[in-house]
Amino acid sequence: MNDLSTWFFSTDNLEEFRDMWWWIFLWVLFSSIFVYGLAALIGFCTLHKHSQGRWYCLSLAIIGVIVPLTGGIITSAVIAGVYETLAWKMPARVAFIWGAGQTAVAIALSFTRLLPTL
């Protein structure tokens, strides 16, 4: 398990709480930074001439890091704790699904909170 590509395509299972938590958290962090970074880049390209719009894009980029560092740590620990308690082994791809799924749920919740304000 030296690099991410060999880890993702391996057939090894994650058995310890620390390993499950760590890989779920990393996938949450990477996917969140990717999605929010892309949104911030698109926003900055469209709002670069607006005096206050640039700062909104910066806040998107900051949120993309803070959210997984707070909520992502907790939810990843809960998921890994459930697997550990039930003595289930987690395949590598399942850690990716849990991590990217947390980002997808965060995006869906962001959209549902945004639409009622319009």
C-alpha atoms as a PDB file:
ATOM      1  CA  MET A   1       0.000   0.000   0.000  1.00  0.00           C
ATOM      2  CA  ASN A   2       2.625   2.512  -0.979  1.00  0.00           C
ATOM      3  CA  ASP A   3       0.652   4.743  -3.285  1.00  0.00           C
ATOM      4  CA  LEU A   4      -2.992   5.503  -3.878  1.00  0.00           C
ATOM      5  CA  SER A   5      -3.423   3.710  -7.212  1.00  0.00           C
ATOM      6  CA  THR A   6      -2.063   0.382  -6.022  1.00  0.00           C
ATOM      7  CA  TRP A   7      -4.107   0.694  -2.863  1.00  0.00           C
ATOM      8  CA  PHE A   8      -7.347   1.465  -4.713  1.00  0.00           C
ATOM      9  CA  PHE A   9      -7.049  -1.447  -7.118  1.00  0.00           C
ATOM     10  CA  SER A  10      -5.793  -3.947  -4.567  1.00  0.00           C
ATOM     11  CA  THR A  11      -7.929  -6.719  -3.151  1.00  0.00           C
ATOM     12  CA  ASP A  12      -6.694  -6.105   0.394  1.00  0.00           C
ATOM     13  CA  ASN A  13      -9.238  -5.324   3.060  1.00  0.00           C
ATOM     14  CA  LEU A  14      -8.911  -2.685   5.744  1.00  0.00           C
ATOM     15  CA  GLU A  15      -9.213  -4.423   9.089  1.00  0.00           C
ATOM     16  CA  GLU A  16      -8.118  -1.906  11.733  1.00  0.00           C
ATOM     17  CA  PHE A  17     -10.134   1.110  12.838  1.00  0.00           C
ATOM     18  CA  ARG A  18      -7.194   3.436  12.183  1.00  0.00           C
ATOM     19  CA  ASP A  19      -6.822   2.304   8.573  1.00  0.00           C
ATOM     20  CA  MET A  20     -10.548   2.475   7.807  1.00  0.00           C
ATOM     21  CA  TRP A  21     -10.879   5.905   9.381  1.00  0.00           C
ATOM     22  CA  TRP A  22      -7.777   7.267   7.676  1.00  0.00           C
ATOM     23  CA  TRP A  23      -8.717   6.203   4.133  1.00  0.00           C
ATOM     24  CA  ILE A  24     -12.343   7.292   4.416  1.00  0.00           C
ATOM     25  CA  PHE A  25     -11.160  10.670   5.738  1.00  0.00           C
ATOM     26  CA  LEU A  26      -8.621  11.071   2.933  1.00  0.00           C
ATOM     27  CA  TRP A  27     -11.278  10.414   0.305  1.00  0.00           C
ATOM     28  CA  VAL A  28     -13.605  12.939   1.959  1.00  0.00           C
ATOM     29  CA  LEU A  29     -10.799  15.491   2.035  1.00  0.00           C
ATOM     30  CA  PHE A  30      -9.645  14.950  -1.563  1.00  0.00           C
ATOM     31  CA  SER A  31     -13.128  14.866  -3.066  1.00  0.00           C
ATOM     32  CA  SER A  32     -14.230  17.928  -1.105  1.00  0.00           C
ATOM     33  CA  ILE A  33     -11.166  19.934  -2.061  1.00  0.00           C
ATOM     34  CA  PHE A  34     -11.662  18.949  -5.699  1.00  0.00           C
ATOM     35  CA  VAL A  35     -15.363  19.865  -5.820  1.00  0.00           C
ATOM     36  CA  TYR A  36     -15.164  23.080  -3.818  1.00  0.00           C
ATOM     37  CA  GLY A  37     -11.927  24.099  -5.539  1.00  0.00           C
ATOM     38  CA  LEU A  38     -13.556  23.647  -8.924  1.00  0.00           C
ATOM     39  CA  ALA A  39     -16.583  25.676  -7.779  1.00  0.00           C
ATOM     40  CA  ALA A  40     -14.306  28.420  -6.451  1.00  0.00           C
ATOM     41  CA  LEU A  41     -12.343  28.508  -9.709  1.00  0.00           C
ATOM     42  CA  ILE A  42     -15.499  28.760 -11.806  1.00  0.00           C
ATOM     43  CA  GLY A  43     -16.876  31.418  -9.483  1.00  0.00           C
ATOM     44  CA  PHE A  44     -13.673  33.424  -9.594  1.00  0.00           C
ATOM     45  CA  CYS A  45     -13.559  33.293 -13.393  1.00  0.00           C
ATOM     46  CA  THR A  46     -17.103  34.631 -13.630  1.00  0.00           C
ATOM     47  CA  LEU A  47     -16.910  37.154 -10.772  1.00  0.00           C
ATOM     48  CA  HIS A  48     -13.352  38.445 -11.127  1.00  0.00           C
ATOM     49  CA  LYS A  49     -14.507  41.999 -11.897  1.00  0.00           C
ATOM     50  CA  HIS A  50     -17.026  42.126  -9.062  1.00  0.00           C
ATOM     51  CA  SER A  51     -15.698  43.903  -5.988  1.00  0.00           C
ATOM     52  CA  GLN A  52     -17.169  41.489  -3.430  1.00  0.00           C
ATOM     53  CA  GLY A  53     -17.670  38.390  -5.581  1.00  0.00           C
ATOM     54  CA  ARG A  54     -14.000  37.489  -5.417  1.00  0.00           C
ATOM     55  CA  TRP A  55     -14.232  37.081  -1.655  1.00  0.00           C
ATOM     56  CA  TYR A  56     -17.185  34.732  -1.991  1.00  0.00           C
ATOM     57  CA  CYS A  57     -15.044  32.445  -4.148  1.00  0.00           C
ATOM     58  CA  LEU A  58     -12.305  32.499  -1.543  1.00  0.00           C
ATOM     59  CA  SER A  59     -14.812  31.500   1.122  1.00  0.00           C
ATOM     60  CA  LEU A  60     -15.863  28.537  -1.054  1.00  0.00           C
ATOM     61  CA  ALA A  61     -12.267  27.352  -1.216  1.00  0.00           C
ATOM     62  CA  ILE A  62     -11.869  27.699   2.550  1.00  0.00           C
ATOM     63  CA  ILE A  63     -15.109  25.808   3.185  1.00  0.00           C
ATOM     64  CA  GLY A  64     -13.806  23.018   0.956  1.00  0.00           C
ATOM     65  CA  VAL A  65     -11.000  22.456   3.451  1.00  0.00           C
ATOM     66  CA  ILE A  66     -12.712  23.231   6.756  1.00  0.00           C
ATOM     67  CA  VAL A  67     -15.771  21.012   6.269  1.00  0.00           C
ATOM     68  CA  PRO A  68     -13.828  17.757   5.825  1.00  0.00           C
ATOM     69  CA  LEU A  69     -11.428  18.704   8.605  1.00  0.00           C
ATOM     70  CA  THR A  70     -14.319  19.012  11.049  1.00  0.00           C
ATOM     71  CA  GLY A  71     -17.355  17.006   9.990  1.00  0.00           C
ATOM     72  CA  GLY A  72     -15.383  14.621   7.788  1.00  0.00           C
ATOM     73  CA  ILE A  73     -13.207  13.496  10.670  1.00  0.00           C
ATOM     74  CA  ILE A  74     -16.222  12.784  12.857  1.00  0.00           C
ATOM     75  CA  THR A  75     -18.341  10.984  10.261  1.00  0.00           C
ATOM     76  CA  SER A  76     -15.384   8.935   9.040  1.00  0.00           C
ATOM     77  CA  ALA A  77     -14.689   7.849  12.610  1.00  0.00           C
ATOM     78  CA  VAL A  78     -18.333   6.870  13.084  1.00  0.00           C
ATOM     79  CA  ILE A  79     -18.373   4.794   9.897  1.00  0.00           C
ATOM     80  CA  ALA A  80     -15.070   3.107  10.774  1.00  0.00           C
ATOM     81  CA  GLY A  81     -16.356   2.527  14.304  1.00  0.00           C
ATOM     82  CA  VAL A  82     -19.429   0.721  12.998  1.00  0.00           C
ATOM     83  CA  TYR A  83     -17.276  -1.514  10.806  1.00  0.00           C
ATOM     84  CA  GLU A  84     -14.912  -2.176  13.715  1.00  0.00           C
ATOM     85  CA  THR A  85     -17.743  -2.942  16.141  1.00  0.00           C
ATOM     86  CA  LEU A  86     -19.362  -5.384  13.734  1.00  0.00           C
ATOM     87  CA  ALA A  87     -15.935  -6.922  12.935  1.00  0.00           C
ATOM     88  CA  TRP A  88     -16.466  -6.268   9.221  1.00  0.00           C
ATOM     89  CA  LYS A  89     -13.549  -5.879   6.886  1.00  0.00           C
ATOM     90  CA  MET A  90     -13.728  -2.878   4.574  1.00  0.00           C
ATOM     91  CA  PRO A  91     -12.614  -3.313   0.964  1.00  0.00           C
ATOM     92  CA  ALA A  92     -10.516  -0.457  -0.382  1.00  0.00           C
ATOM     93  CA  ARG A  93     -13.156   0.671  -2.838  1.00  0.00           C
ATOM     94  CA  VAL A  94     -15.774   0.893  -0.118  1.00  0.00           C
ATOM     95  CA  ALA A  95     -13.630   3.493   1.674  1.00  0.00           C
ATOM     96  CA  PHE A  96     -13.708   5.523  -1.539  1.00  0.00           C
ATOM     97  CA  ILE A  97     -17.484   5.147  -1.799  1.00  0.00           C
ATOM     98  CA  TRP A  98     -17.974   6.276   1.808  1.00  0.00           C
ATOM     99  CA  GLY A  99     -15.629   9.240   1.377  1.00  0.00           C
ATOM    100  CA  ALA A 100     -16.960  10.475  -1.955  1.00  0.00           C
ATOM    101  CA  GLY A 101     -20.486   9.751  -0.762  1.00  0.00           C
ATOM    102  CA  GLN A 102     -20.040  12.097   2.182  1.00  0.00           C
ATOM    103  CA  THR A 103     -18.999  14.844  -0.216  1.00  0.00           C
ATOM    104  CA  ALA A 104     -21.993  14.096  -2.450  1.00  0.00           C
ATOM    105  CA  VAL A 105     -24.350  14.323   0.533  1.00  0.00           C
ATOM    106  CA  ALA A 106     -22.777  17.642   1.575  1.00  0.00           C
ATOM    107  CA  ILE A 107     -23.295  19.014  -1.940  1.00  0.00           C
ATOM    108  CA  ALA A 108     -26.906  17.822  -2.019  1.00  0.00           C
ATOM    109  CA  LEU A 109     -27.590  19.450   1.354  1.00  0.00           C
ATOM    110  CA  SER A 110     -25.955  22.665   0.156  1.00  0.00           C
ATOM    111  CA  PHE A 111     -28.298  22.806  -2.822  1.00  0.00           C
ATOM    112  CA  THR A 112     -31.395  22.101  -0.758  1.00  0.00           C
ATOM    113  CA  ARG A 113     -30.514  24.882   1.664  1.00  0.00           C
ATOM    114  CA  LEU A 114     -29.757  27.326  -1.160  1.00  0.00           C
ATOM    115  CA  LEU A 115     -32.949  26.964  -3.187  1.00  0.00           C
ATOM    116  CA  PRO A 116     -35.402  28.090  -0.453  1.00  0.00           C
ATOM    117  CA  THR A 117     -33.470  31.343  -0.074  1.00  0.00           C
ATOM    118  CA  LEU A 118     -34.011  32.371  -3.697  1.00  0.00           C
END
